[in-house]
Amino acid sequence: MPEGPEIKRAADKIAAILDGEVIDRCFIQPAGLRRYRPVLTGARVEAVRPRGKALLTRFDNGLTLYSHNQLYGRWYTTRLDKQPSTNRSLRIALHTLTHSAWLYSASDIAILDDDALQAHPFLQSLGPDILDPNLHWRDILRQLQSPSFNRRSLASLYLDQHFIAGIGNYLRTEILFFAGLSPWTKPIELSLAELGKLARCTLTITQRAYQTGGITNPVKFHRRLKSQGKHREVYRFATFERDGKACYQCGTRIKRVEVNARRLYYCAQCQAVIRPPGSTA
């Protein structure tokens, strides 16, 4: 499933062709939404922005197109009417006089007025958006210290969209590695310095993934490997999908485990438990 960086990059691509533009024609496949076709035709796009793993396209008539890609959804952008080559099922198409934005295979789509947007159960349950430009690492620190979250394992917490919206499986694995923390540690067991480092890593690693198109390793490091002819799957991640391979920092073999039916990767040396579980800092 795409995570915050991928959704934000998709929003950027769509915004580049739709922001400020009038919808000349549109296609709406879900039967329950087809009545909005004449309403969206002629409307001007005011903004395209991510919210967690969802994407919101705002129109000047007060309506917002909500879409969540789930596992298989994907947005494409093309020149006008140049339909993407894909076997996916077309759900939404928005056409201006020069470009087209196409949404395929998404299973969660809605067109909402302001009241419905405010009341949307998924959107209203989300925590701070990890790629909100106004989000500061101290905001994440406060979430980590909150009684609502501080007694849960980091492995569980970092997939909870109520905690931080937009973090998924690969970001969870990479953030915890670069923070040097065991996935089974709880925030309440950490010192203030450790919590501060984790909060900073949460922001830094996600921003890096957004800026690099999904690469979480430091830029100088991945560029060096790339210059040596290494493929993307070698230099993209520090631990995610690297089970059995040597940790780039210490050489220990990366391990894969299942946590709540979701795969997680870690280095037992770099992310060793530094105090007995259940103790407090």
C-alpha atoms as a PDB file:
ATOM      1  CA  MET A   1       0.000   0.000   0.000  1.00  0.00           C
ATOM      2  CA  PRO A   2       1.393   3.439  -0.852  1.00  0.00           C
ATOM      3  CA  GLU A   3       2.528   5.423   2.172  1.00  0.00           C
ATOM      4  CA  GLY A   4       2.631   9.144   2.905  1.00  0.00           C
ATOM      5  CA  PRO A   5       5.589   9.978   0.617  1.00  0.00           C
ATOM      6  CA  GLU A   6       4.037   8.195  -2.349  1.00  0.00           C
ATOM      7  CA  ILE A   7       0.637   9.825  -1.807  1.00  0.00           C
ATOM      8  CA  LYS A   8       2.269  13.250  -1.471  1.00  0.00           C
ATOM      9  CA  ARG A   9       4.225  12.761  -4.700  1.00  0.00           C
ATOM     10  CA  ALA A  10       1.014  11.672  -6.461  1.00  0.00           C
ATOM     11  CA  ALA A  11      -0.732  14.780  -5.120  1.00  0.00           C
ATOM     12  CA  ASP A  12       2.124  16.940  -6.424  1.00  0.00           C
ATOM     13  CA  LYS A  13       1.819  15.412  -9.920  1.00  0.00           C
ATOM     14  CA  ILE A  14      -1.937  15.876 -10.020  1.00  0.00           C
ATOM     15  CA  ALA A  15      -1.724  19.404  -8.643  1.00  0.00           C
ATOM     16  CA  ALA A  16       0.791  20.298 -11.356  1.00  0.00           C
ATOM     17  CA  ILE A  17      -1.845  19.726 -14.056  1.00  0.00           C
ATOM     18  CA  LEU A  18      -5.113  20.456 -12.206  1.00  0.00           C
ATOM     19  CA  ASP A  19      -4.497  23.263  -9.719  1.00  0.00           C
ATOM     20  CA  GLY A  20      -6.394  26.346 -10.878  1.00  0.00           C
ATOM     21  CA  GLU A  21      -7.756  24.547 -13.941  1.00  0.00           C
ATOM     22  CA  VAL A  22     -11.376  24.034 -14.987  1.00  0.00           C
ATOM     23  CA  ILE A  23     -12.627  20.473 -15.459  1.00  0.00           C
ATOM     24  CA  ASP A  24     -13.753  20.328 -19.079  1.00  0.00           C
ATOM     25  CA  ARG A  25     -14.962  16.721 -18.944  1.00  0.00           C
ATOM     26  CA  CYS A  26     -15.009  13.963 -16.371  1.00  0.00           C
ATOM     27  CA  PHE A  27     -15.639  10.232 -16.132  1.00  0.00           C
ATOM     28  CA  ILE A  28     -17.059   8.698 -12.970  1.00  0.00           C
ATOM     29  CA  GLN A  29     -17.414   4.910 -12.856  1.00  0.00           C
ATOM     30  CA  PRO A  30     -18.957   4.208  -9.394  1.00  0.00           C
ATOM     31  CA  ALA A  31     -22.722   4.190  -9.945  1.00  0.00           C
ATOM     32  CA  GLY A  32     -23.436   5.984  -6.682  1.00  0.00           C
ATOM     33  CA  LEU A  33     -21.287   8.946  -7.713  1.00  0.00           C
ATOM     34  CA  ARG A  34     -22.294   9.413 -11.358  1.00  0.00           C
ATOM     35  CA  ARG A  35     -24.787  12.125 -10.450  1.00  0.00           C
ATOM     36  CA  TYR A  36     -21.812  14.381  -9.719  1.00  0.00           C
ATOM     37  CA  ARG A  37     -20.562  14.298 -13.305  1.00  0.00           C
ATOM     38  CA  PRO A  38     -22.460  17.451 -14.407  1.00  0.00           C
ATOM     39  CA  VAL A  39     -21.613  19.113 -11.088  1.00  0.00           C
ATOM     40  CA  LEU A  40     -17.848  18.629 -11.466  1.00  0.00           C
ATOM     41  CA  THR A  41     -17.857  19.535 -15.162  1.00  0.00           C
ATOM     42  CA  GLY A  42     -17.050  23.232 -15.296  1.00  0.00           C
ATOM     43  CA  ALA A  43     -15.757  23.340 -11.721  1.00  0.00           C
ATOM     44  CA  ARG A  44     -12.300  24.734 -11.024  1.00  0.00           C
ATOM     45  CA  VAL A  45      -9.779  22.758  -8.974  1.00  0.00           C
ATOM     46  CA  GLU A  46      -8.655  24.744  -5.952  1.00  0.00           C
ATOM     47  CA  ALA A  47      -6.208  22.291  -4.345  1.00  0.00           C
ATOM     48  CA  VAL A  48      -4.945  18.728  -4.405  1.00  0.00           C
ATOM     49  CA  ARG A  49      -3.510  17.567  -1.099  1.00  0.00           C
ATOM     50  CA  PRO A  50      -2.795  14.355   0.783  1.00  0.00           C
ATOM     51  CA  ARG A  51      -4.287  13.466   4.141  1.00  0.00           C
ATOM     52  CA  GLY A  52      -2.503  10.460   5.546  1.00  0.00           C
ATOM     53  CA  LYS A  53      -2.843   7.803   2.846  1.00  0.00           C
ATOM     54  CA  ALA A  54      -5.867   9.507   1.269  1.00  0.00           C
ATOM     55  CA  LEU A  55      -5.920  12.197  -1.405  1.00  0.00           C
ATOM     56  CA  LEU A  56      -8.312  15.170  -1.432  1.00  0.00           C
ATOM     57  CA  THR A  57      -9.121  17.129  -4.604  1.00  0.00           C
ATOM     58  CA  ARG A  58     -10.967  20.338  -3.739  1.00  0.00           C
ATOM     59  CA  PHE A  59     -13.244  22.148  -6.230  1.00  0.00           C
ATOM     60  CA  ASP A  60     -14.501  25.725  -6.189  1.00  0.00           C
ATOM     61  CA  ASN A  61     -18.128  24.559  -5.867  1.00  0.00           C
ATOM     62  CA  GLY A  62     -17.495  23.333  -2.320  1.00  0.00           C
ATOM     63  CA  LEU A  63     -17.104  19.647  -3.186  1.00  0.00           C
ATOM     64  CA  THR A  64     -14.063  17.481  -2.476  1.00  0.00           C
ATOM     65  CA  LEU A  65     -13.147  14.257  -4.242  1.00  0.00           C
ATOM     66  CA  TYR A  66     -11.862  11.832  -1.596  1.00  0.00           C
ATOM     67  CA  SER A  67      -9.867   8.815  -2.756  1.00  0.00           C
ATOM     68  CA  HIS A  68      -7.920   6.159  -0.884  1.00  0.00           C
ATOM     69  CA  ASN A  69      -5.782   3.872  -3.000  1.00  0.00           C
ATOM     70  CA  GLN A  70      -5.946   0.919  -0.589  1.00  0.00           C
ATOM     71  CA  LEU A  71      -3.767  -1.872  -2.034  1.00  0.00           C
ATOM     72  CA  TYR A  72      -4.323  -1.479  -5.761  1.00  0.00           C
ATOM     73  CA  GLY A  73      -5.403   2.072  -6.530  1.00  0.00           C
ATOM     74  CA  ARG A  74      -3.176   4.344  -8.560  1.00  0.00           C
ATOM     75  CA  TRP A  75      -3.333   7.842 -10.064  1.00  0.00           C
ATOM     76  CA  TYR A  76      -1.812   8.617 -13.470  1.00  0.00           C
ATOM     77  CA  THR A  77      -1.355  11.977 -15.211  1.00  0.00           C
ATOM     78  CA  THR A  78      -1.047  12.409 -18.979  1.00  0.00           C
ATOM     79  CA  ARG A  79      -1.516  14.880 -21.781  1.00  0.00           C
ATOM     80  CA  LEU A  80      -5.180  15.256 -22.699  1.00  0.00           C
ATOM     81  CA  ASP A  81      -6.903  11.943 -23.507  1.00  0.00           C
ATOM     82  CA  LYS A  82      -3.646   9.965 -23.706  1.00  0.00           C
ATOM     83  CA  GLN A  83      -4.980   7.090 -21.646  1.00  0.00           C
ATOM     84  CA  PRO A  84      -2.371   5.128 -19.643  1.00  0.00           C
ATOM     85  CA  SER A  85      -1.478   1.637 -20.775  1.00  0.00           C
ATOM     86  CA  THR A  86      -2.724  -0.491 -17.886  1.00  0.00           C
ATOM     87  CA  ASN A  87      -5.031  -3.413 -17.176  1.00  0.00           C
ATOM     88  CA  ARG A  88      -6.394  -1.700 -14.077  1.00  0.00           C
ATOM     89  CA  SER A  89     -10.051  -0.665 -13.839  1.00  0.00           C
ATOM     90  CA  LEU A  90     -10.703   3.032 -14.495  1.00  0.00           C
ATOM     91  CA  ARG A  91     -12.692   4.640 -11.679  1.00  0.00           C
ATOM     92  CA  ILE A  92     -12.310   8.418 -12.169  1.00  0.00           C
ATOM     93  CA  ALA A  93     -10.952  10.626 -14.972  1.00  0.00           C
ATOM     94  CA  LEU A  94     -10.657  14.415 -14.776  1.00  0.00           C
ATOM     95  CA  HIS A  95      -9.875  16.248 -18.030  1.00  0.00           C
ATOM     96  CA  THR A  96      -8.848  19.870 -18.529  1.00  0.00           C
ATOM     97  CA  LEU A  97      -8.281  21.377 -21.975  1.00  0.00           C
ATOM     98  CA  THR A  98      -4.668  20.139 -21.939  1.00  0.00           C
ATOM     99  CA  HIS A  99      -4.230  17.294 -19.447  1.00  0.00           C
ATOM    100  CA  SER A 100      -5.935  14.314 -17.842  1.00  0.00           C
ATOM    101  CA  ALA A 101      -5.754  12.776 -14.363  1.00  0.00           C
ATOM    102  CA  TRP A 102      -6.821   9.121 -14.129  1.00  0.00           C
ATOM    103  CA  LEU A 103      -7.629   7.073 -11.036  1.00  0.00           C
ATOM    104  CA  TYR A 104      -7.557   3.308 -11.458  1.00  0.00           C
ATOM    105  CA  SER A 105      -8.613   0.441  -9.192  1.00  0.00           C
ATOM    106  CA  ALA A 106      -9.174   2.484  -6.038  1.00  0.00           C
ATOM    107  CA  SER A 107     -11.897   0.932  -3.901  1.00  0.00           C
ATOM    108  CA  ASP A 108     -12.625   3.845  -1.549  1.00  0.00           C
ATOM    109  CA  ILE A 109     -13.923   6.942  -3.378  1.00  0.00           C
ATOM    110  CA  ALA A 110     -16.379   9.612  -2.270  1.00  0.00           C
ATOM    111  CA  ILE A 111     -17.473  13.102  -3.312  1.00  0.00           C
ATOM    112  CA  LEU A 112     -18.151  15.148  -0.205  1.00  0.00           C
ATOM    113  CA  ASP A 113     -19.491  18.566   0.709  1.00  0.00           C
ATOM    114  CA  ASP A 114     -17.896  20.446   3.610  1.00  0.00           C
ATOM    115  CA  ASP A 115     -20.150  18.936   6.272  1.00  0.00           C
ATOM    116  CA  ALA A 116     -19.563  15.383   5.029  1.00  0.00           C
ATOM    117  CA  LEU A 117     -15.837  16.034   4.786  1.00  0.00           C
ATOM    118  CA  GLN A 118     -15.726  17.205   8.396  1.00  0.00           C
ATOM    119  CA  ALA A 119     -17.721  14.153   9.507  1.00  0.00           C
ATOM    120  CA  HIS A 120     -15.826  11.565   7.431  1.00  0.00           C
ATOM    121  CA  PRO A 121     -14.966   8.767   9.894  1.00  0.00           C
ATOM    122  CA  PHE A 122     -11.553   7.919   8.433  1.00  0.00           C
ATOM    123  CA  LEU A 123     -10.363  11.494   8.046  1.00  0.00           C
ATOM    124  CA  GLN A 124     -11.552  12.552  11.496  1.00  0.00           C
ATOM    125  CA  SER A 125      -9.779   9.645  13.178  1.00  0.00           C
ATOM    126  CA  LEU A 126      -6.361  10.511  11.752  1.00  0.00           C
ATOM    127  CA  GLY A 127      -3.484  11.866  13.779  1.00  0.00           C
ATOM    128  CA  PRO A 128      -1.137  14.616  12.547  1.00  0.00           C
ATOM    129  CA  ASP A 129      -0.132  14.211   8.901  1.00  0.00           C
ATOM    130  CA  ILE A 130       3.519  13.166   8.679  1.00  0.00           C
ATOM    131  CA  LEU A 131       4.139  15.375   5.629  1.00  0.00           C
ATOM    132  CA  ASP A 132       2.193  18.398   6.797  1.00  0.00           C
ATOM    133  CA  PRO A 133       4.658  21.277   6.208  1.00  0.00           C
ATOM    134  CA  ASN A 134       3.692  22.729   9.583  1.00  0.00           C
ATOM    135  CA  LEU A 135       4.441  19.522  11.511  1.00  0.00           C
ATOM    136  CA  HIS A 136       7.426  19.886  13.868  1.00  0.00           C
ATOM    137  CA  TRP A 137       9.334  17.064  15.515  1.00  0.00           C
ATOM    138  CA  ARG A 138       8.102  18.375  18.876  1.00  0.00           C
ATOM    139  CA  ASP A 139       4.544  17.624  17.729  1.00  0.00           C
ATOM    140  CA  ILE A 140       5.599  14.000  17.227  1.00  0.00           C
ATOM    141  CA  LEU A 141       7.324  14.036  20.622  1.00  0.00           C
ATOM    142  CA  ARG A 142       4.049  15.089  22.240  1.00  0.00           C
ATOM    143  CA  GLN A 143       2.265  12.209  20.516  1.00  0.00           C
ATOM    144  CA  LEU A 144       4.893   9.779  21.807  1.00  0.00           C
ATOM    145  CA  GLN A 145       4.466  11.107  25.343  1.00  0.00           C
ATOM    146  CA  SER A 146       0.665  11.040  25.232  1.00  0.00           C
ATOM    147  CA  PRO A 147      -1.008   8.548  27.614  1.00  0.00           C
ATOM    148  CA  SER A 148      -3.041   7.397  24.615  1.00  0.00           C
ATOM    149  CA  PHE A 149       0.101   6.039  22.933  1.00  0.00           C
ATOM    150  CA  ASN A 150       3.071   5.802  25.308  1.00  0.00           C
ATOM    151  CA  ARG A 151       2.413   2.283  26.616  1.00  0.00           C
ATOM    152  CA  ARG A 152       2.217   0.586  23.226  1.00  0.00           C
ATOM    153  CA  SER A 153       5.102  -1.118  21.449  1.00  0.00           C
ATOM    154  CA  LEU A 154       6.679   0.972  18.717  1.00  0.00           C
ATOM    155  CA  ALA A 155       5.996  -1.859  16.247  1.00  0.00           C
ATOM    156  CA  SER A 156       2.273  -1.486  16.866  1.00  0.00           C
ATOM    157  CA  LEU A 157       2.179   2.269  17.376  1.00  0.00           C
ATOM    158  CA  TYR A 158       3.930   3.154  14.118  1.00  0.00           C
ATOM    159  CA  LEU A 159       1.201   1.544  12.021  1.00  0.00           C
ATOM    160  CA  ASP A 160      -1.609   3.323  13.866  1.00  0.00           C
ATOM    161  CA  GLN A 161      -2.961   6.187  11.759  1.00  0.00           C
ATOM    162  CA  HIS A 162      -4.477   7.720  14.911  1.00  0.00           C
ATOM    163  CA  PHE A 163      -0.906   8.292  16.114  1.00  0.00           C
ATOM    164  CA  ILE A 164       0.665   9.701  12.945  1.00  0.00           C
ATOM    165  CA  ALA A 165      -1.085   9.596   9.573  1.00  0.00           C
ATOM    166  CA  GLY A 166       0.850   8.443   6.527  1.00  0.00           C
ATOM    167  CA  ILE A 167       3.355   6.032   8.074  1.00  0.00           C
ATOM    168  CA  GLY A 168       3.175   2.451   6.830  1.00  0.00           C
ATOM    169  CA  ASN A 169       5.205  -0.723   6.855  1.00  0.00           C
ATOM    170  CA  TYR A 170       8.432   0.352   5.175  1.00  0.00           C
ATOM    171  CA  LEU A 171       8.594   3.695   6.978  1.00  0.00           C
ATOM    172  CA  ARG A 172       7.985   2.012  10.336  1.00  0.00           C
ATOM    173  CA  THR A 173      10.883  -0.387   9.779  1.00  0.00           C
ATOM    174  CA  GLU A 174      13.277   2.292   8.561  1.00  0.00           C
ATOM    175  CA  ILE A 175      12.406   4.903  11.212  1.00  0.00           C
ATOM    176  CA  LEU A 176      12.981   2.454  14.058  1.00  0.00           C
ATOM    177  CA  PHE A 177      16.285   1.340  12.554  1.00  0.00           C
ATOM    178  CA  PHE A 178      17.681   4.849  12.173  1.00  0.00           C
ATOM    179  CA  ALA A 179      16.447   5.709  15.665  1.00  0.00           C
ATOM    180  CA  GLY A 180      18.315   2.650  16.958  1.00  0.00           C
ATOM    181  CA  LEU A 181      15.295   1.287  18.813  1.00  0.00           C
ATOM    182  CA  SER A 182      13.891  -2.186  19.273  1.00  0.00           C
ATOM    183  CA  PRO A 183      10.424  -2.555  17.724  1.00  0.00           C
ATOM    184  CA  TRP A 184       9.197  -3.991  21.046  1.00  0.00           C
ATOM    185  CA  THR A 185      10.198  -0.930  23.073  1.00  0.00           C
ATOM    186  CA  LYS A 186       7.428   1.319  24.392  1.00  0.00           C
ATOM    187  CA  PRO A 187       7.718   5.130  24.432  1.00  0.00           C
ATOM    188  CA  ILE A 188       7.261   5.172  28.220  1.00  0.00           C
ATOM    189  CA  GLU A 189      10.441   3.098  28.539  1.00  0.00           C
ATOM    190  CA  LEU A 190      12.546   5.680  26.701  1.00  0.00           C
ATOM    191  CA  SER A 191      14.464   8.665  27.988  1.00  0.00           C
ATOM    192  CA  LEU A 192      13.613  12.154  26.782  1.00  0.00           C
ATOM    193  CA  ALA A 193      16.758  12.121  24.609  1.00  0.00           C
ATOM    194  CA  GLU A 194      15.709   8.825  23.006  1.00  0.00           C
ATOM    195  CA  LEU A 195      12.186  10.096  22.420  1.00  0.00           C
ATOM    196  CA  GLY A 196      13.575  13.267  20.849  1.00  0.00           C
ATOM    197  CA  LYS A 197      15.797  11.241  18.517  1.00  0.00           C
ATOM    198  CA  LEU A 198      12.856   9.046  17.533  1.00  0.00           C
ATOM    199  CA  ALA A 199      10.662  12.081  16.844  1.00  0.00           C
ATOM    200  CA  ARG A 200      13.363  13.648  14.670  1.00  0.00           C
ATOM    201  CA  CYS A 201      13.967  10.383  12.794  1.00  0.00           C
ATOM    202  CA  THR A 202      10.240  10.005  12.182  1.00  0.00           C
ATOM    203  CA  LEU A 203      10.178  13.342  10.413  1.00  0.00           C
ATOM    204  CA  THR A 204      13.588  13.115   8.717  1.00  0.00           C
ATOM    205  CA  ILE A 205      13.224   9.620   7.250  1.00  0.00           C
ATOM    206  CA  THR A 206       9.740  10.337   5.905  1.00  0.00           C
ATOM    207  CA  GLN A 207      10.826  13.628   4.346  1.00  0.00           C
ATOM    208  CA  ARG A 208      13.835  11.877   2.813  1.00  0.00           C
ATOM    209  CA  ALA A 209      11.596   9.195   1.309  1.00  0.00           C
ATOM    210  CA  TYR A 210       9.374  11.901  -0.163  1.00  0.00           C
ATOM    211  CA  GLN A 211      12.294  13.872  -1.611  1.00  0.00           C
ATOM    212  CA  THR A 212      14.063  10.825  -3.083  1.00  0.00           C
ATOM    213  CA  GLY A 213      11.086   8.875  -4.393  1.00  0.00           C
ATOM    214  CA  GLY A 214      11.061   6.255  -1.652  1.00  0.00           C
ATOM    215  CA  ILE A 215      14.740   5.903  -0.709  1.00  0.00           C
ATOM    216  CA  THR A 216      15.365   5.995   3.043  1.00  0.00           C
ATOM    217  CA  ASN A 217      19.136   5.522   3.168  1.00  0.00           C
ATOM    218  CA  PRO A 218      21.199   8.732   3.483  1.00  0.00           C
ATOM    219  CA  VAL A 219      21.648  10.479   0.147  1.00  0.00           C
ATOM    220  CA  LYS A 220      25.450  10.280   0.072  1.00  0.00           C
ATOM    221  CA  PHE A 221      25.341   6.577   0.926  1.00  0.00           C
ATOM    222  CA  HIS A 222      22.802   5.582  -1.697  1.00  0.00           C
ATOM    223  CA  ARG A 223      24.481   7.718  -4.341  1.00  0.00           C
ATOM    224  CA  ARG A 224      27.780   5.970  -3.656  1.00  0.00           C
ATOM    225  CA  LEU A 225      26.189   2.545  -4.077  1.00  0.00           C
ATOM    226  CA  LYS A 226      24.399   3.698  -7.196  1.00  0.00           C
ATOM    227  CA  SER A 227      27.666   4.979  -8.669  1.00  0.00           C
ATOM    228  CA  GLN A 228      29.097   1.481  -8.104  1.00  0.00           C
ATOM    229  CA  GLY A 229      26.402   0.054 -10.356  1.00  0.00           C
ATOM    230  CA  LYS A 230      24.196  -1.275  -7.566  1.00  0.00           C
ATOM    231  CA  HIS A 231      20.495  -1.654  -8.318  1.00  0.00           C
ATOM    232  CA  ARG A 232      17.793   0.334  -6.530  1.00  0.00           C
ATOM    233  CA  GLU A 233      16.708  -2.628  -4.396  1.00  0.00           C
ATOM    234  CA  VAL A 234      20.234  -2.747  -2.947  1.00  0.00           C
ATOM    235  CA  TYR A 235      20.498   0.886  -1.875  1.00  0.00           C
ATOM    236  CA  ARG A 236      16.870   1.898  -1.278  1.00  0.00           C
ATOM    237  CA  PHE A 237      16.404   0.650   2.300  1.00  0.00           C
ATOM    238  CA  ALA A 238      18.595   0.063   5.341  1.00  0.00           C
ATOM    239  CA  THR A 239      16.607  -2.921   6.663  1.00  0.00           C
ATOM    240  CA  PHE A 240      13.211  -3.240   4.954  1.00  0.00           C
ATOM    241  CA  GLU A 241      13.078  -6.297   2.634  1.00  0.00           C
ATOM    242  CA  ARG A 242      16.730  -7.067   3.492  1.00  0.00           C
ATOM    243  CA  ASP A 243      16.178 -10.156   5.666  1.00  0.00           C
ATOM    244  CA  GLY A 244      19.310 -12.301   5.844  1.00  0.00           C
ATOM    245  CA  LYS A 245      21.511  -9.553   4.406  1.00  0.00           C
ATOM    246  CA  ALA A 246      24.249  -7.775   6.334  1.00  0.00           C
ATOM    247  CA  CYS A 247      23.369  -4.567   8.145  1.00  0.00           C
ATOM    248  CA  TYR A 248      25.122  -1.654   6.465  1.00  0.00           C
ATOM    249  CA  GLN A 249      26.141  -0.279   9.876  1.00  0.00           C
ATOM    250  CA  CYS A 250      27.372  -3.320  11.827  1.00  0.00           C
ATOM    251  CA  GLY A 251      27.297  -6.357   9.537  1.00  0.00           C
ATOM    252  CA  THR A 252      24.747  -8.284  11.588  1.00  0.00           C
ATOM    253  CA  ARG A 253      22.195 -10.211   9.531  1.00  0.00           C
ATOM    254  CA  ILE A 254      18.869  -8.425   9.218  1.00  0.00           C
ATOM    255  CA  LYS A 255      15.922 -10.354  10.672  1.00  0.00           C
ATOM    256  CA  ARG A 256      12.324 -10.518   9.505  1.00  0.00           C
ATOM    257  CA  VAL A 257       9.431 -11.089  11.887  1.00  0.00           C
ATOM    258  CA  GLU A 258       5.649 -10.944  11.670  1.00  0.00           C
ATOM    259  CA  VAL A 259       3.916  -8.454  13.969  1.00  0.00           C
ATOM    260  CA  ASN A 260       0.109  -8.498  13.778  1.00  0.00           C
ATOM    261  CA  ALA A 261       0.372 -10.220  10.395  1.00  0.00           C
ATOM    262  CA  ARG A 262       2.601  -7.435   9.034  1.00  0.00           C
ATOM    263  CA  ARG A 263       6.251  -7.999   8.193  1.00  0.00           C
ATOM    264  CA  LEU A 264       8.893  -6.057  10.070  1.00  0.00           C
ATOM    265  CA  TYR A 265      12.666  -6.046   9.643  1.00  0.00           C
ATOM    266  CA  TYR A 266      15.310  -5.121  12.207  1.00  0.00           C
ATOM    267  CA  CYS A 267      18.961  -5.404  13.170  1.00  0.00           C
ATOM    268  CA  ALA A 268      19.321  -7.129  16.539  1.00  0.00           C
ATOM    269  CA  GLN A 269      22.653  -5.371  17.125  1.00  0.00           C
ATOM    270  CA  CYS A 270      21.790  -1.800  16.115  1.00  0.00           C
ATOM    271  CA  GLN A 271      18.315  -2.036  17.652  1.00  0.00           C
ATOM    272  CA  ALA A 272      19.123  -4.016  20.776  1.00  0.00           C
ATOM    273  CA  VAL A 273      16.886  -3.640  23.818  1.00  0.00           C
ATOM    274  CA  ILE A 274      18.909  -1.366  26.078  1.00  0.00           C
ATOM    275  CA  ARG A 275      16.880  -1.937  29.271  1.00  0.00           C
ATOM    276  CA  PRO A 276      14.605  -4.734  30.491  1.00  0.00           C
ATOM    277  CA  PRO A 277      11.083  -4.597  29.030  1.00  0.00           C
ATOM    278  CA  GLY A 278       8.691  -2.899  31.425  1.00  0.00           C
ATOM    279  CA  SER A 279      11.325  -0.726  33.086  1.00  0.00           C
ATOM    280  CA  THR A 280      11.044   3.050  32.903  1.00  0.00           C
ATOM    281  CA  ALA A 281      13.672   5.579  31.939  1.00  0.00           C
END
